[in-house]
């Protein structure tokens, strides 16, 4: 079964919030790195996005199986 679009959208929004909050909380570390090197900005977003997307996909599978049993 393919991943639902809602799962992908939620993972994207959560990752964006996570990255922006990280840059705001730690401007000395993440803020300077994010503005000095565009490759790091992409990795800063892509790494957490893959992790959040994986957990969202697993959560989607669990929810669908629980709802299917009822």
N, C-alpha and C. Protein backbone atom coordinates (compact mmCIF):
# COMPACT_ATOMS: atom_id res chain seq x y z
N UNK A 1 0.84 -1.17 0.00
CA UNK A 1 0.00 0.00 0.00
C UNK A 1 0.89 1.24 0.00
N UNK A 2 0.54 2.20 -0.80
CA UNK A 2 1.32 3.43 -0.93
C UNK A 2 1.04 4.38 0.22
N UNK A 3 1.98 5.27 0.42
CA UNK A 3 1.82 6.27 1.48
C UNK A 3 0.77 7.29 1.07
N UNK A 4 -0.02 7.69 2.02
CA UNK A 4 -1.05 8.69 1.77
C UNK A 4 -0.41 10.08 1.64
N UNK A 5 -1.02 10.92 0.86
CA UNK A 5 -0.52 12.27 0.67
C UNK A 5 -0.54 13.09 1.95
N UNK A 6 -1.52 12.82 2.80
CA UNK A 6 -1.63 13.54 4.07
C UNK A 6 -0.43 13.23 4.95
N UNK A 7 0.01 11.98 4.95
CA UNK A 7 1.18 11.60 5.75
C UNK A 7 2.41 12.35 5.28
N UNK A 8 2.60 12.42 3.98
CA UNK A 8 3.73 13.14 3.43
C UNK A 8 3.68 14.62 3.78
N UNK A 9 2.50 15.22 3.66
CA UNK A 9 2.33 16.65 3.96
C UNK A 9 2.59 16.94 5.43
N UNK A 10 2.08 16.10 6.31
CA UNK A 10 2.30 16.30 7.75
C UNK A 10 3.78 16.17 8.09
N UNK A 11 4.45 15.19 7.50
CA UNK A 11 5.89 15.02 7.74
C UNK A 11 6.67 16.23 7.24
N UNK A 12 6.28 16.77 6.10
CA UNK A 12 6.95 17.94 5.55
C UNK A 12 6.79 19.15 6.46
N UNK A 13 5.57 19.39 6.92
CA UNK A 13 5.31 20.54 7.79
C UNK A 13 6.03 20.37 9.13
N UNK A 14 5.98 19.19 9.72
CA UNK A 14 6.68 18.96 10.99
C UNK A 14 8.18 19.16 10.84
N UNK A 15 8.74 18.72 9.74
CA UNK A 15 10.18 18.91 9.52
C UNK A 15 10.52 20.38 9.35
N UNK A 16 9.70 21.11 8.61
CA UNK A 16 9.94 22.55 8.44
C UNK A 16 9.90 23.26 9.78
N UNK A 17 8.92 22.93 10.61
CA UNK A 17 8.82 23.54 11.94
C UNK A 17 10.04 23.16 12.79
N UNK A 18 10.44 21.90 12.72
CA UNK A 18 11.60 21.43 13.47
C UNK A 18 12.87 22.17 13.07
N UNK A 19 13.10 22.32 11.79
CA UNK A 19 14.31 23.00 11.30
C UNK A 19 14.28 24.48 11.64
N UNK A 20 13.16 25.13 11.44
CA UNK A 20 13.05 26.56 11.75
C UNK A 20 13.21 26.80 13.25
N UNK A 21 12.58 25.96 14.07
CA UNK A 21 12.72 26.10 15.52
C UNK A 21 14.16 25.86 15.95
N UNK A 22 14.83 24.89 15.34
CA UNK A 22 16.23 24.64 15.66
C UNK A 22 17.12 25.82 15.32
N UNK A 23 16.86 26.45 14.18
CA UNK A 23 17.65 27.62 13.78
C UNK A 23 17.36 28.80 14.71
N UNK A 24 16.12 28.93 15.15
CA UNK A 24 15.78 30.03 16.05
C UNK A 24 16.34 29.81 17.46
N UNK A 25 16.34 28.56 17.92
CA UNK A 25 16.84 28.27 19.27
C UNK A 25 18.36 28.29 19.35
N UNK A 26 19.01 27.86 18.29
CA UNK A 26 20.47 27.79 18.28
C UNK A 26 21.02 28.58 17.09
N UNK A 27 20.86 29.91 17.11
CA UNK A 27 21.31 30.70 15.96
C UNK A 27 22.83 30.72 15.81
N UNK A 28 23.55 30.55 16.91
CA UNK A 28 25.01 30.56 16.81
C UNK A 28 25.54 29.34 16.07
N UNK A 29 24.86 28.23 16.19
CA UNK A 29 25.32 27.00 15.55
C UNK A 29 24.62 26.78 14.21
N UNK A 30 23.30 26.62 14.26
CA UNK A 30 22.55 26.29 13.05
C UNK A 30 22.32 27.50 12.16
N UNK A 31 22.14 28.66 12.75
CA UNK A 31 21.90 29.86 11.95
C UNK A 31 23.07 30.20 11.06
N UNK A 32 24.26 30.18 11.61
CA UNK A 32 25.46 30.49 10.81
C UNK A 32 25.71 29.42 9.76
N UNK A 33 25.51 28.17 10.13
CA UNK A 33 25.73 27.09 9.17
C UNK A 33 24.71 27.12 8.04
N UNK A 34 23.48 27.50 8.38
CA UNK A 34 22.43 27.53 7.37
C UNK A 34 22.62 28.66 6.37
N UNK A 35 23.21 29.76 6.80
CA UNK A 35 23.38 30.88 5.89
C UNK A 35 24.70 30.83 5.14
N UNK A 36 25.69 30.14 5.67
CA UNK A 36 27.01 30.13 5.05
C UNK A 36 27.14 29.08 3.95
N UNK A 37 26.37 28.01 4.01
CA UNK A 37 26.58 26.91 3.09
C UNK A 37 25.22 26.34 2.67
N UNK A 38 24.86 26.51 1.42
CA UNK A 38 23.56 26.04 0.95
C UNK A 38 23.44 24.52 0.98
N UNK A 39 24.54 23.80 0.79
CA UNK A 39 24.49 22.33 0.85
C UNK A 39 24.10 21.88 2.24
N UNK A 40 24.59 22.57 3.25
CA UNK A 40 24.24 22.20 4.62
C UNK A 40 22.77 22.46 4.91
N UNK A 41 22.23 23.51 4.32
CA UNK A 41 20.80 23.81 4.52
C UNK A 41 19.97 22.66 3.96
N UNK A 42 20.33 22.17 2.79
CA UNK A 42 19.60 21.06 2.20
C UNK A 42 19.72 19.81 3.06
N UNK A 43 20.91 19.52 3.54
CA UNK A 43 21.10 18.35 4.41
C UNK A 43 20.42 18.54 5.75
N UNK A 44 20.40 19.76 6.24
CA UNK A 44 19.74 20.07 7.51
C UNK A 44 18.24 19.79 7.42
N UNK A 45 17.67 19.96 6.26
CA UNK A 45 16.25 19.67 6.07
C UNK A 45 16.02 18.22 5.66
N UNK A 46 16.84 17.71 4.75
CA UNK A 46 16.60 16.38 4.18
C UNK A 46 16.78 15.27 5.21
N UNK A 47 17.78 15.36 6.06
CA UNK A 47 18.01 14.33 7.07
C UNK A 47 16.83 14.16 8.01
N UNK A 48 16.42 15.22 8.70
CA UNK A 48 15.25 15.09 9.58
C UNK A 48 13.98 14.73 8.82
N UNK A 49 13.84 15.20 7.59
CA UNK A 49 12.65 14.90 6.82
C UNK A 49 12.53 13.40 6.56
N UNK A 50 13.63 12.75 6.22
CA UNK A 50 13.59 11.31 5.97
C UNK A 50 13.22 10.56 7.25
N UNK A 51 13.77 10.98 8.37
CA UNK A 51 13.47 10.32 9.64
C UNK A 51 12.00 10.53 10.02
N UNK A 52 11.52 11.76 9.94
CA UNK A 52 10.13 12.05 10.29
C UNK A 52 9.19 11.34 9.32
N UNK A 53 9.55 11.30 8.04
CA UNK A 53 8.71 10.62 7.05
C UNK A 53 8.64 9.12 7.34
N UNK A 54 9.75 8.52 7.75
CA UNK A 54 9.75 7.10 8.08
C UNK A 54 8.81 6.82 9.26
N UNK A 55 8.93 7.61 10.32
CA UNK A 55 8.07 7.40 11.48
C UNK A 55 6.60 7.68 11.15
N UNK A 56 6.34 8.65 10.31
CA UNK A 56 4.96 8.94 9.89
C UNK A 56 4.40 7.77 9.08
N UNK A 57 5.22 7.19 8.23
CA UNK A 57 4.79 6.04 7.43
C UNK A 57 4.48 4.84 8.31
N UNK A 58 5.36 4.57 9.29
CA UNK A 58 5.11 3.47 10.23
C UNK A 58 3.84 3.75 11.03
N UNK A 59 3.68 4.98 11.49
CA UNK A 59 2.47 5.34 12.24
C UNK A 59 1.21 5.18 11.40
N UNK A 60 1.31 5.54 10.13
CA UNK A 60 0.17 5.37 9.23
C UNK A 60 -0.21 3.89 9.10
N UNK A 61 0.79 3.03 8.97
CA UNK A 61 0.54 1.59 8.86
C UNK A 61 -0.15 1.07 10.12
N UNK A 62 0.32 1.50 11.27
CA UNK A 62 -0.26 1.04 12.54
C UNK A 62 -1.71 1.51 12.66
N UNK A 63 -1.95 2.77 12.36
CA UNK A 63 -3.31 3.31 12.47
C UNK A 63 -4.25 2.59 11.51
N UNK A 64 -3.81 2.35 10.29
CA UNK A 64 -4.66 1.68 9.32
C UNK A 64 -4.97 0.25 9.73
N UNK A 65 -4.00 -0.45 10.33
CA UNK A 65 -4.25 -1.82 10.79
C UNK A 65 -5.20 -1.84 11.99
N UNK A 66 -5.05 -0.87 12.89
CA UNK A 66 -5.94 -0.80 14.06
C UNK A 66 -7.36 -0.48 13.61
N UNK A 67 -7.51 0.45 12.70
CA UNK A 67 -8.84 0.80 12.23
C UNK A 67 -9.47 -0.31 11.40
N UNK A 68 -8.65 -1.07 10.70
CA UNK A 68 -9.15 -2.16 9.87
C UNK A 68 -9.70 -3.31 10.72
N UNK A 69 -9.09 -3.55 11.89
CA UNK A 69 -9.53 -4.63 12.76
C UNK A 69 -10.88 -4.33 13.41
N UNK A 70 -11.17 -3.07 13.64
CA UNK A 70 -12.42 -2.70 14.32
C UNK A 70 -13.61 -2.72 13.42
